[in-house]
């Protein structure tokens, strides 16, 4: 799918384009899971070579950050899918081609939808709804002035990355809140003396595992963004950006560093909760094993008495004694009760 963003009459419009109708005056071309024909059409319209899906997955900085002619290619991993319970991340390529931005992605991060809505101030429109001001622009200088104020590719890319970082921060806040709730559930389970192996403990372990998985993905995403920003600053320097642009890039760098620290804190908290949960499960298991161990020790003396009187010896005086059977039963009961009383006295039970 090709989504193009054009500026006219002081507004930015989004429309779907076909390989035969890729406009050359678009300020942002968004390639979403494009076909080979769509990629070739954009390459022909923009005069550049779009990286393949395999090239986007390369981890070397030279494969993710490079320049070809007047175009700068930057690839970062973007986290998505937390709302669906299946967080993941995928590479997204940003191509600055003069005043135009081209994005190539095979997933649908919510940050792109949020920024596109903010950029257009309305939902994307169908092809042909953007007004044609070619004649009016020539006749009216005021309208030409408005049209010339179209957002540049640099500002669109900065706005996109800012939205990505804000979205990632929101997701980390959601994970932090879930970890707080997990901690409450763990200690509530210990107070209620819930047995090990219950659905509650299994759910807690699954939630902790999901949080840990998200932390690793968020850390990798932040690492790619941290590598991208210096290259973006060098690319912007060639275009002589304003002070506001440089300040925004520096602010994003500070946000990434603070988020990295926050992710490290959440990782430590996740490990603590995991250790606590495993410790609670171990305590429950030890309590169950202790009960069986005490029961085994309690039945050992009666078993010894029964074994003695179960021997097939010819001369055993108690066998002919009328009170031999009650005496043997009483001795077995007494030998079982005394260890239990002793264990209770030692507070082992």
Protein backbone atom coordinates (compact mmCIF):
# COMPACT_ATOMS: atom_id res chain seq x y z
CA UNK A 1 0.00 0.00 0.00
CA UNK A 2 1.19 3.50 -0.87
CA UNK A 3 -0.11 6.38 1.25
CA UNK A 4 0.98 9.83 0.14
CA UNK A 5 0.68 13.09 2.04
CA UNK A 6 0.33 16.32 0.11
CA UNK A 7 -0.03 19.91 1.24
CA UNK A 8 -2.56 22.29 -0.26
CA UNK A 9 -4.61 25.27 0.94
CA UNK A 10 -2.77 25.28 4.25
CA UNK A 11 -3.67 21.67 5.04
CA UNK A 12 -2.00 18.32 4.67
CA UNK A 13 -4.04 15.59 3.01
CA UNK A 14 -3.49 11.84 2.94
CA UNK A 15 -4.57 9.67 0.05
CA UNK A 16 -3.91 6.22 -1.28
CA UNK A 17 -1.90 6.02 -4.46
CA UNK A 18 -1.43 3.30 -7.04
CA UNK A 19 1.86 2.44 -8.73
CA UNK A 20 0.65 4.42 -11.74
CA UNK A 21 -0.32 7.55 -9.76
CA UNK A 22 2.58 8.22 -7.37
CA UNK A 23 2.74 12.04 -7.16
CA UNK A 24 6.09 13.79 -7.31
CA UNK A 25 4.95 16.66 -5.09
CA UNK A 26 4.20 14.51 -2.02
CA UNK A 27 5.88 15.63 1.19
CA UNK A 28 5.60 12.16 2.74
CA UNK A 29 5.30 8.81 0.99
CA UNK A 30 4.45 5.97 3.38
CA UNK A 31 5.05 2.47 2.02
CA UNK A 32 3.08 -0.02 4.12
CA UNK A 33 3.89 -3.64 3.27
CA UNK A 34 4.44 -2.66 -0.39
CA UNK A 35 4.48 -5.03 -3.30
CA UNK A 36 7.42 -5.23 -5.68
CA UNK A 37 5.48 -3.15 -8.23
CA UNK A 38 4.79 -0.44 -5.66
CA UNK A 39 8.44 -0.32 -4.63
CA UNK A 40 9.56 0.05 -8.25
CA UNK A 41 7.00 2.83 -8.81
CA UNK A 42 8.29 4.83 -5.82
CA UNK A 43 11.90 4.25 -6.86
CA UNK A 44 11.12 5.55 -10.34
CA UNK A 45 9.22 8.57 -9.03
CA UNK A 46 11.87 9.55 -6.47
CA UNK A 47 15.00 8.44 -8.30
CA UNK A 48 16.38 6.25 -5.50
CA UNK A 49 16.64 2.59 -4.51
CA UNK A 50 14.43 1.42 -1.66
CA UNK A 51 16.15 -1.09 0.67
CA UNK A 52 14.87 -4.64 0.70
CA UNK A 53 13.26 -6.28 3.71
CA UNK A 54 16.39 -8.32 4.33
CA UNK A 55 18.58 -5.20 4.24
CA UNK A 56 16.32 -3.53 6.80
CA UNK A 57 16.97 -6.39 9.23
CA UNK A 58 20.74 -5.97 9.15
CA UNK A 59 22.16 -5.00 12.54
CA UNK A 60 25.33 -3.27 11.31
CA UNK A 61 25.21 0.50 11.59
CA UNK A 62 26.59 0.83 8.05
CA UNK A 63 23.59 -1.14 6.74
CA UNK A 64 21.03 0.83 8.74
CA UNK A 65 22.49 4.35 8.45
CA UNK A 66 23.91 5.48 5.12
CA UNK A 67 23.60 8.09 2.38
CA UNK A 68 23.23 7.69 -1.35
CA UNK A 69 23.43 10.88 -3.34
CA UNK A 70 21.14 13.44 -1.72
CA UNK A 71 19.11 10.81 0.13
CA UNK A 72 19.76 9.69 3.71
CA UNK A 73 18.62 6.22 4.77
CA UNK A 74 17.94 5.50 8.44
CA UNK A 75 16.45 2.28 9.88
CA UNK A 76 15.22 1.83 13.45
CA UNK A 77 13.32 -0.93 15.23
CA UNK A 78 9.87 0.17 16.41
CA UNK A 79 7.92 -1.61 19.16
CA UNK A 80 4.24 -2.32 18.51
CA UNK A 81 1.40 -4.66 19.49
CA UNK A 82 1.32 -4.19 23.28
CA UNK A 83 -2.44 -3.53 23.23
CA UNK A 84 -3.05 -6.92 21.60
CA UNK A 85 -1.01 -8.69 24.26
CA UNK A 86 1.70 -9.69 21.76
CA UNK A 87 4.40 -6.99 21.83
CA UNK A 88 6.98 -7.18 19.09
CA UNK A 89 9.24 -4.90 17.11
CA UNK A 90 10.12 -4.55 13.46
CA UNK A 91 12.47 -2.35 11.42
CA UNK A 92 11.18 0.86 9.85
CA UNK A 93 13.24 2.74 7.29
CA UNK A 94 13.17 6.54 7.03
CA UNK A 95 14.46 8.07 3.80
CA UNK A 96 15.09 11.81 3.68
CA UNK A 97 15.09 12.80 0.03
CA UNK A 98 15.44 16.56 -0.05
CA UNK A 99 12.24 18.10 1.27
CA UNK A 100 10.41 14.78 1.07
CA UNK A 101 10.24 11.87 3.54
CA UNK A 102 9.75 8.26 2.49
CA UNK A 103 8.99 5.60 5.10
CA UNK A 104 9.12 1.87 4.47
CA UNK A 105 7.49 -0.50 6.96
CA UNK A 106 5.86 -3.93 7.07
CA UNK A 107 3.98 -3.45 10.33
CA UNK A 108 1.47 -0.94 11.66
CA UNK A 109 2.81 0.77 14.80
CA UNK A 110 0.20 2.95 16.45
CA UNK A 111 2.65 5.85 16.55
CA UNK A 112 2.36 6.24 12.77
CA UNK A 113 -1.43 6.44 12.98
CA UNK A 114 -1.25 8.98 15.80
CA UNK A 115 1.21 11.22 14.00
CA UNK A 116 -0.59 10.98 10.66
CA UNK A 117 -3.81 12.05 12.35
CA UNK A 118 -2.01 14.92 14.02
CA UNK A 119 -0.37 15.95 10.77
CA UNK A 120 -3.58 15.94 8.78
CA UNK A 121 -5.85 17.15 11.60
CA UNK A 122 -8.42 14.75 10.12
CA UNK A 123 -8.82 11.16 8.97
CA UNK A 124 -7.07 10.16 5.72
CA UNK A 125 -9.09 11.05 2.66
CA UNK A 126 -9.65 9.13 -0.52
CA UNK A 127 -7.81 9.96 -3.75
CA UNK A 128 -9.03 13.10 -5.45
CA UNK A 129 -10.28 14.88 -2.34
CA UNK A 130 -7.24 17.11 -2.02
CA UNK A 131 -7.97 20.37 -3.88
CA UNK A 132 -6.03 21.16 -7.01
CA UNK A 133 -4.60 24.64 -6.51
CA UNK A 134 -2.32 24.79 -9.52
CA UNK A 135 -4.42 27.52 -11.17
CA UNK A 136 -5.35 29.33 -7.99
CA UNK A 137 -1.76 29.30 -6.83
CA UNK A 138 -0.64 31.16 -9.92
CA UNK A 139 -3.41 33.71 -9.56
CA UNK A 140 -3.26 34.40 -5.86
CA UNK A 141 0.00 35.18 -4.09
CA UNK A 142 -1.58 34.67 -0.68
CA UNK A 143 -2.54 31.11 -1.54
CA UNK A 144 0.97 30.47 -2.90
CA UNK A 145 2.38 31.67 0.41
CA UNK A 146 0.16 29.21 2.28
CA UNK A 147 1.14 26.34 0.02
CA UNK A 148 4.84 27.12 0.47
CA UNK A 149 4.46 26.54 4.22
CA UNK A 150 4.10 22.79 3.71
CA UNK A 151 5.84 20.66 6.36
CA UNK A 152 9.29 19.54 5.27
CA UNK A 153 10.47 15.97 5.29
CA UNK A 154 12.86 16.85 8.12
CA UNK A 155 10.07 18.13 10.37
CA UNK A 156 7.83 15.16 9.52
CA UNK A 157 10.57 12.68 10.41
CA UNK A 158 11.35 14.47 13.67
CA UNK A 159 7.66 14.50 14.53
CA UNK A 160 7.39 10.80 13.73
CA UNK A 161 10.34 9.87 15.94
CA UNK A 162 9.00 12.07 18.74
CA UNK A 163 5.70 10.21 18.50
CA UNK A 164 7.50 6.86 18.50
CA UNK A 165 9.41 7.82 21.65
CA UNK A 166 6.27 9.14 23.35
CA UNK A 167 4.41 5.98 22.45
CA UNK A 168 7.24 3.82 23.80
CA UNK A 169 7.21 5.83 27.03
CA UNK A 170 3.46 5.24 27.35
CA UNK A 171 3.94 1.49 26.88
CA UNK A 172 6.68 1.44 29.51
CA UNK A 173 4.34 3.22 31.92
CA UNK A 174 1.74 0.53 31.28
CA UNK A 175 4.30 -2.19 32.00
CA UNK A 176 5.39 -0.38 35.17
CA UNK A 177 1.80 -0.24 36.38
CA UNK A 178 1.37 -3.94 35.62
CA UNK A 179 4.54 -4.76 37.56
CA UNK A 180 3.19 -2.83 40.55
CA UNK A 181 0.00 -4.88 40.38
CA UNK A 182 2.02 -8.08 40.05
CA UNK A 183 3.89 -7.21 43.25
CA UNK A 184 0.58 -6.66 45.04
CA UNK A 185 -0.76 -9.98 43.75
CA UNK A 186 2.36 -11.88 44.82
CA UNK A 187 2.29 -10.70 48.41
CA UNK A 188 -1.48 -11.05 48.56
CA UNK A 189 -1.02 -14.68 47.49
CA UNK A 190 1.49 -15.20 50.28
CA UNK A 191 -0.92 -13.79 52.87
CA UNK A 192 -3.76 -15.96 51.61
CA UNK A 193 -1.44 -19.02 51.66
CA UNK A 194 -2.40 -20.07 48.17
CA UNK A 195 -0.86 -23.40 47.22
CA UNK A 196 1.78 -23.69 44.56
CA UNK A 197 0.78 -24.69 41.07
CA UNK A 198 -2.49 -22.74 41.16
CA UNK A 199 -3.70 -20.68 38.21
CA UNK A 200 -2.82 -17.48 40.08
CA UNK A 201 0.88 -18.27 40.29
CA UNK A 202 0.95 -19.47 36.70
CA UNK A 203 -0.69 -16.24 35.56
CA UNK A 204 1.78 -14.17 37.60
CA UNK A 205 4.74 -15.98 36.04
CA UNK A 206 3.28 -15.44 32.56
CA UNK A 207 2.82 -11.71 33.24
CA UNK A 208 6.36 -11.39 34.57
CA UNK A 209 7.69 -13.19 31.49
CA UNK A 210 5.73 -10.90 29.17
CA UNK A 211 7.10 -7.84 30.98
CA UNK A 212 10.66 -9.13 30.68
CA UNK A 213 10.18 -9.85 26.99
CA UNK A 214 8.87 -6.34 26.40
CA UNK A 215 11.83 -4.81 28.27
CA UNK A 216 14.31 -6.57 25.98
CA UNK A 217 12.45 -5.40 22.89
CA UNK A 218 12.14 -1.84 24.22
CA UNK A 219 15.86 -1.75 25.03
CA UNK A 220 16.78 -2.85 21.50
CA UNK A 221 14.38 -0.31 20.00
CA UNK A 222 15.90 2.48 22.11
CA UNK A 223 19.39 1.36 21.08
CA UNK A 224 18.53 1.69 17.38
CA UNK A 225 16.94 5.11 17.95
CA UNK A 226 19.98 6.21 19.96
CA UNK A 227 22.22 5.29 17.02
CA UNK A 228 19.88 6.97 14.55
CA UNK A 229 19.78 10.43 16.15
CA UNK A 230 23.45 11.42 15.61
CA UNK A 231 23.19 10.38 11.97
CA UNK A 232 19.95 12.33 11.66
CA UNK A 233 21.64 15.40 13.13
CA UNK A 234 24.45 15.14 10.56
CA UNK A 235 21.87 14.81 7.78
CA UNK A 236 19.98 17.83 9.09
CA UNK A 237 23.16 19.89 9.34
CA UNK A 238 23.55 19.63 5.57
CA UNK A 239 20.10 21.21 5.20
CA UNK A 240 20.97 24.04 7.63
CA UNK A 241 18.08 23.48 10.03
CA UNK A 242 16.87 26.07 12.51
CA UNK A 243 17.66 26.14 16.20
CA UNK A 244 14.29 24.64 16.98
CA UNK A 245 15.13 21.53 14.96
CA UNK A 246 18.44 20.99 16.74
CA UNK A 247 16.78 21.51 20.10
CA UNK A 248 14.15 18.89 19.29
CA UNK A 249 16.80 16.34 18.32
CA UNK A 250 18.71 16.99 21.54
CA UNK A 251 15.49 16.67 23.53
CA UNK A 252 14.82 13.30 21.89
CA UNK A 253 18.33 12.13 22.77
CA UNK A 254 17.74 13.07 26.41
CA UNK A 255 14.38 11.29 26.38
CA UNK A 256 16.00 8.13 25.02
CA UNK A 257 18.69 8.17 27.72
CA UNK A 258 16.08 8.64 30.46
CA UNK A 259 13.96 5.85 29.00
CA UNK A 260 17.01 3.58 28.94
CA UNK A 261 17.48 4.24 32.65
CA UNK A 262 13.79 3.56 33.24
CA UNK A 263 13.99 0.28 31.31
CA UNK A 264 17.00 -0.77 33.41
CA UNK A 265 14.98 -0.04 36.57
CA UNK A 266 12.01 -2.03 35.27
CA UNK A 267 14.31 -4.93 34.37
CA UNK A 268 15.66 -5.01 37.91
CA UNK A 269 12.13 -4.88 39.29
CA UNK A 270 11.08 -7.70 36.97
CA UNK A 271 13.98 -9.86 38.17
CA UNK A 272 13.06 -9.09 41.80
CA UNK A 273 9.42 -10.08 41.21
CA UNK A 274 10.49 -13.22 39.38
CA UNK A 275 12.82 -14.21 42.23
CA UNK A 276 10.07 -13.44 44.74
CA UNK A 277 7.53 -15.55 42.88
CA UNK A 278 9.92 -18.47 42.53
CA UNK A 279 10.78 -18.10 46.22
CA UNK A 280 7.08 -18.20 47.16
CA UNK A 281 6.60 -21.31 45.07
CA UNK A 282 9.66 -22.92 46.67
CA UNK A 283 8.33 -22.14 50.15
CA UNK A 284 5.00 -23.74 49.30
CA UNK A 285 6.76 -26.79 47.88
CA UNK A 286 8.99 -27.09 50.93
CA UNK A 287 5.94 -26.90 53.20
CA UNK A 288 4.31 -29.76 51.31
CA UNK A 289 7.51 -31.83 51.35
CA UNK A 290 7.88 -31.13 55.08
CA UNK A 291 4.41 -32.52 55.76
CA UNK A 292 5.23 -35.71 53.91
CA UNK A 293 8.58 -35.99 55.66
CA UNK A 294 6.99 -35.60 59.11
CA UNK A 295 4.31 -38.12 58.20
CA UNK A 296 6.99 -40.59 57.10
CA UNK A 297 8.94 -40.10 60.35
CA UNK A 298 5.75 -40.44 62.39
CA UNK A 299 4.93 -43.81 60.84
CA UNK A 300 8.44 -45.23 61.19
CA UNK A 301 8.13 -46.33 64.91
CA UNK A 302 4.75 -48.08 64.39
CA UNK A 303 6.24 -49.80 61.36
CA UNK A 304 9.15 -50.96 63.49
CA UNK A 305 6.80 -52.39 66.14
CA UNK A 306 4.68 -54.11 63.50
CA UNK A 307 7.80 -55.51 61.87
CA UNK A 308 9.02 -56.98 65.14
CA UNK A 309 5.76 -58.76 65.92
CA UNK A 310 5.43 -59.84 62.34
CA UNK A 311 8.56 -61.97 62.56
CA UNK A 312 8.06 -65.71 62.31
CA UNK A 313 9.95 -66.75 65.41
CA UNK A 314 8.72 -69.76 67.35
CA UNK A 315 9.39 -68.40 70.84
CA UNK A 316 7.77 -64.95 71.27
CA UNK A 317 6.15 -64.68 74.72
CA UNK A 318 3.73 -61.94 73.69
CA UNK A 319 2.09 -64.19 71.09
CA UNK A 320 0.54 -66.37 73.81
CA UNK A 321 -0.19 -63.47 76.14
CA UNK A 322 -3.89 -62.42 76.14
CA UNK A 323 -2.96 -58.72 76.36
CA UNK A 324 -0.23 -58.94 73.72
CA UNK A 325 -2.36 -57.61 70.86
CA UNK A 326 -3.70 -54.53 72.76
CA UNK A 327 -0.19 -53.86 74.03
CA UNK A 328 1.26 -53.94 70.50
CA UNK A 329 -1.50 -51.63 69.18
CA UNK A 330 -1.01 -49.20 72.05
CA UNK A 331 2.74 -49.23 71.57
CA UNK A 332 2.35 -48.37 67.88
CA UNK A 333 -0.05 -45.52 68.63
CA UNK A 334 2.20 -44.16 71.35
CA UNK A 335 5.30 -44.37 69.10
CA UNK A 336 3.43 -42.39 66.40
CA UNK A 337 2.05 -39.72 68.72
CA UNK A 338 5.27 -38.95 70.61
CA UNK A 339 7.23 -37.77 67.48
CA UNK A 340 4.29 -35.59 66.40
CA UNK A 341 4.15 -33.99 69.85
CA UNK A 342 7.89 -33.42 69.72
CA UNK A 343 7.70 -31.84 66.25
CA UNK A 344 4.86 -29.61 67.39
CA UNK A 345 6.89 -28.56 70.43
CA UNK A 346 9.80 -27.61 68.13
CA UNK A 347 7.36 -25.75 65.89
CA UNK A 348 8.30 -27.84 62.91
CA UNK A 349 4.61 -28.34 62.13
